[in-house]
Amino acid sequence: VQTCALPISTTTCAHSMTPPEDLKAMCLGADIIVSCVGIARMIKADFVKPGATVVDVGVTRIDNKIVGDVDFDAVQAVAGAITPMPGGTGPMTIGCLLENTLEAAKMLGAFPR
C-alpha cells in the first residue's frame, strides 16, 4: 500500500471480511475512497462524506451487466467526484499496463531506451 504524497495523509486498508460497521466508519473519515473488492454496490451513499472522491475499481457481473463496488446512482449525489463502472478506471489500467510492458521490453534490450 502506497501512501499519498502529502506528509499529513494516512492510508487505511480494508478487505471483504472487514465488518460493515467498521468499513463504514473508515469510509466516512476518508477524503478519498478507492474500492476494488469485487462486491457489487457495497459502498453506499451513507458510507461517503460529502465532497469525498470515490474511485470504483471493482468489477462484478450481475445479470450480464457489469457493476462496480460503489452504488453509483446513490453515491454520486454525495461525492465530490466519482468514477463510473464500467468506463471509469479501465482505460487508465490498460494504458498503465501497456506503458509497463514497454518499459519491461526496454529493460530486456528489446527496444532502444
C-alpha atoms as a PDB file:
ATOM      1  CA  VAL A   1       0.000   0.000   0.000  1.00  0.00           C
ATOM      2  CA  GLN A   2       1.411   3.349  -1.013  1.00  0.00           C
ATOM      3  CA  THR A   3       0.644   6.486   0.925  1.00  0.00           C
ATOM      4  CA  CYS A   4      -0.331   9.715  -0.730  1.00  0.00           C
ATOM      5  CA  ALA A   5       2.342  12.289  -1.482  1.00  0.00           C
ATOM      6  CA  LEU A   6       1.218  14.583   1.313  1.00  0.00           C
ATOM      7  CA  PRO A   7       3.039  14.043   4.616  1.00  0.00           C
ATOM      8  CA  ILE A   8      -0.224  14.501   6.516  1.00  0.00           C
ATOM      9  CA  SER A   9      -2.055  11.676   4.726  1.00  0.00           C
ATOM     10  CA  THR A  10      -2.937   8.293   6.185  1.00  0.00           C
ATOM     11  CA  THR A  11      -3.718   5.160   4.191  1.00  0.00           C
ATOM     12  CA  THR A  12      -6.252   2.726   5.630  1.00  0.00           C
ATOM     13  CA  CYS A  13      -6.775  -0.718   4.133  1.00  0.00           C
ATOM     14  CA  ALA A  14      -9.909  -2.841   4.496  1.00  0.00           C
ATOM     15  CA  HIS A  15     -10.979  -6.091   2.828  1.00  0.00           C
ATOM     16  CA  SER A  16     -14.048  -8.184   2.071  1.00  0.00           C
ATOM     17  CA  MET A  17     -14.123  -9.560   5.627  1.00  0.00           C
ATOM     18  CA  THR A  18     -13.979  -6.149   7.338  1.00  0.00           C
ATOM     19  CA  PRO A  19     -17.183  -5.778   9.382  1.00  0.00           C
ATOM     20  CA  PRO A  20     -19.585  -3.425   7.564  1.00  0.00           C
ATOM     21  CA  GLU A  21     -19.831  -1.050  10.516  1.00  0.00           C
ATOM     22  CA  ASP A  22     -16.024  -0.732  10.654  1.00  0.00           C
ATOM     23  CA  LEU A  23     -15.827  -0.211   6.888  1.00  0.00           C
ATOM     24  CA  LYS A  24     -18.491   2.483   7.053  1.00  0.00           C
ATOM     25  CA  ALA A  25     -16.610   4.311   9.827  1.00  0.00           C
ATOM     26  CA  MET A  26     -13.349   4.138   7.829  1.00  0.00           C
ATOM     27  CA  CYS A  27     -15.016   5.419   4.686  1.00  0.00           C
ATOM     28  CA  LEU A  28     -16.771   8.281   6.481  1.00  0.00           C
ATOM     29  CA  GLY A  29     -13.378   9.502   7.689  1.00  0.00           C
ATOM     30  CA  ALA A  30     -11.830   9.380   4.210  1.00  0.00           C
ATOM     31  CA  ASP A  31     -11.298  12.171   1.711  1.00  0.00           C
ATOM     32  CA  ILE A  32     -10.542   9.584  -0.996  1.00  0.00           C
ATOM     33  CA  ILE A  33     -12.088   6.105  -1.236  1.00  0.00           C
ATOM     34  CA  VAL A  34     -10.690   3.530  -3.670  1.00  0.00           C
ATOM     35  CA  SER A  35     -12.733   0.337  -3.774  1.00  0.00           C
ATOM     36  CA  CYS A  36     -11.589  -2.810  -5.566  1.00  0.00           C
ATOM     37  CA  VAL A  37     -13.061  -5.693  -3.578  1.00  0.00           C
ATOM     38  CA  GLY A  38     -15.454  -7.079  -6.210  1.00  0.00           C
ATOM     39  CA  ILE A  39     -18.657  -6.933  -4.172  1.00  0.00           C
ATOM     40  CA  ALA A  40     -21.434  -5.247  -6.124  1.00  0.00           C
ATOM     41  CA  ARG A  41     -22.663  -1.896  -4.787  1.00  0.00           C
ATOM     42  CA  MET A  42     -21.010  -2.434  -1.402  1.00  0.00           C
ATOM     43  CA  ILE A  43     -20.190   1.268  -0.906  1.00  0.00           C
ATOM     44  CA  LYS A  44     -23.466   3.090  -0.235  1.00  0.00           C
ATOM     45  CA  ALA A  45     -24.178   6.818  -0.029  1.00  0.00           C
ATOM     46  CA  ASP A  46     -24.153   6.742   3.784  1.00  0.00           C
ATOM     47  CA  PHE A  47     -20.535   5.445   3.667  1.00  0.00           C
ATOM     48  CA  VAL A  48     -19.316   8.613   1.920  1.00  0.00           C
ATOM     49  CA  LYS A  49     -18.801  12.012   3.482  1.00  0.00           C
ATOM     50  CA  PRO A  50     -19.933  14.967   1.367  1.00  0.00           C
ATOM     51  CA  GLY A  51     -17.320  16.053  -1.152  1.00  0.00           C
ATOM     52  CA  ALA A  52     -15.175  12.905  -0.944  1.00  0.00           C
ATOM     53  CA  THR A  53     -13.567  11.470  -4.082  1.00  0.00           C
ATOM     54  CA  VAL A  54     -14.659   7.906  -4.874  1.00  0.00           C
ATOM     55  CA  VAL A  55     -12.718   5.660  -7.272  1.00  0.00           C
ATOM     56  CA  ASP A  56     -14.528   2.439  -8.183  1.00  0.00           C
ATOM     57  CA  VAL A  57     -12.189  -0.269  -9.494  1.00  0.00           C
ATOM     58  CA  GLY A  58     -14.344  -3.266  -8.529  1.00  0.00           C
ATOM     59  CA  VAL A  59     -15.961  -5.387 -11.229  1.00  0.00           C
ATOM     60  CA  THR A  60     -18.912  -7.717 -10.719  1.00  0.00           C
ATOM     61  CA  ARG A  61     -21.259  -9.207 -13.316  1.00  0.00           C
ATOM     62  CA  ILE A  62     -24.946  -9.261 -12.396  1.00  0.00           C
ATOM     63  CA  ASP A  63     -27.462 -10.499 -14.978  1.00  0.00           C
ATOM     64  CA  ASN A  64     -24.944  -9.964 -17.815  1.00  0.00           C
ATOM     65  CA  LYS A  65     -24.330  -6.381 -16.693  1.00  0.00           C
ATOM     66  CA  ILE A  66     -21.064  -5.054 -15.246  1.00  0.00           C
ATOM     67  CA  VAL A  67     -21.416  -3.158 -11.964  1.00  0.00           C
ATOM     68  CA  GLY A  68     -18.868  -1.788  -9.541  1.00  0.00           C
ATOM     69  CA  ASP A  69     -18.306  -1.831  -5.801  1.00  0.00           C
ATOM     70  CA  VAL A  70     -19.946   1.580  -5.463  1.00  0.00           C
ATOM     71  CA  ASP A  71     -23.691   2.231  -5.627  1.00  0.00           C
ATOM     72  CA  PHE A  72     -23.033   4.864  -8.295  1.00  0.00           C
ATOM     73  CA  ASP A  73     -26.529   6.364  -8.537  1.00  0.00           C
ATOM     74  CA  ALA A  74     -26.752   6.956  -4.784  1.00  0.00           C
ATOM     75  CA  VAL A  75     -23.123   7.929  -4.128  1.00  0.00           C
ATOM     76  CA  GLN A  76     -22.828  10.467  -6.956  1.00  0.00           C
ATOM     77  CA  ALA A  77     -25.266  12.729  -5.073  1.00  0.00           C
ATOM     78  CA  VAL A  78     -22.858  12.863  -2.100  1.00  0.00           C
ATOM     79  CA  ALA A  79     -19.371  12.553  -3.602  1.00  0.00           C
ATOM     80  CA  GLY A  80     -17.397  15.498  -4.923  1.00  0.00           C
ATOM     81  CA  ALA A  81     -16.048  13.271  -7.712  1.00  0.00           C
ATOM     82  CA  ILE A  82     -16.737   9.658  -8.663  1.00  0.00           C
ATOM     83  CA  THR A  83     -15.604   7.254 -11.374  1.00  0.00           C
ATOM     84  CA  PRO A  84     -18.256   5.210 -13.154  1.00  0.00           C
ATOM     85  CA  MET A  85     -18.105   1.453 -13.599  1.00  0.00           C
ATOM     86  CA  PRO A  86     -17.798   0.405 -16.344  1.00  0.00           C
ATOM     87  CA  GLY A  87     -15.903   3.085 -18.232  1.00  0.00           C
ATOM     88  CA  GLY A  88     -14.029   4.710 -15.376  1.00  0.00           C
ATOM     89  CA  THR A  89     -10.650   3.291 -14.436  1.00  0.00           C
ATOM     90  CA  GLY A  90     -10.406   0.609 -17.136  1.00  0.00           C
ATOM     91  CA  PRO A  91      -8.821   2.780 -19.858  1.00  0.00           C
ATOM     92  CA  MET A  92      -6.176   4.050 -17.391  1.00  0.00           C
ATOM     93  CA  THR A  93      -5.440   0.496 -16.253  1.00  0.00           C
ATOM     94  CA  ILE A  94      -4.869  -0.615 -19.840  1.00  0.00           C
ATOM     95  CA  GLY A  95      -2.686   2.428 -20.548  1.00  0.00           C
ATOM     96  CA  CYS A  96      -0.513   1.729 -17.489  1.00  0.00           C
ATOM     97  CA  LEU A  97      -0.238  -1.950 -18.436  1.00  0.00           C
ATOM     98  CA  LEU A  98       0.983  -1.028 -21.919  1.00  0.00           C
ATOM     99  CA  GLU A  99       3.436   1.534 -20.520  1.00  0.00           C
ATOM    100  CA  ASN A 100       4.862  -1.021 -18.072  1.00  0.00           C
ATOM    101  CA  THR A 101       5.105  -3.655 -20.817  1.00  0.00           C
ATOM    102  CA  LEU A 102       7.109  -1.245 -22.976  1.00  0.00           C
ATOM    103  CA  GLU A 103       9.393  -0.366 -20.039  1.00  0.00           C
ATOM    104  CA  ALA A 104       9.988  -4.076 -19.344  1.00  0.00           C
ATOM    105  CA  ALA A 105      10.844  -4.668 -23.007  1.00  0.00           C
ATOM    106  CA  LYS A 106      13.322  -1.766 -22.872  1.00  0.00           C
ATOM    107  CA  MET A 107      14.957  -3.263 -19.770  1.00  0.00           C
ATOM    108  CA  LEU A 108      15.392  -6.550 -21.627  1.00  0.00           C
ATOM    109  CA  GLY A 109      17.010  -4.724 -24.534  1.00  0.00           C
ATOM    110  CA  ALA A 110      14.178  -5.346 -26.987  1.00  0.00           C
ATOM    111  CA  PHE A 111      13.874  -1.616 -27.729  1.00  0.00           C
ATOM    112  CA  PRO A 112      16.335   1.272 -27.555  1.00  0.00           C
ATOM    113  CA  ARG A 113      15.968   3.403 -24.455  1.00  0.00           C
END
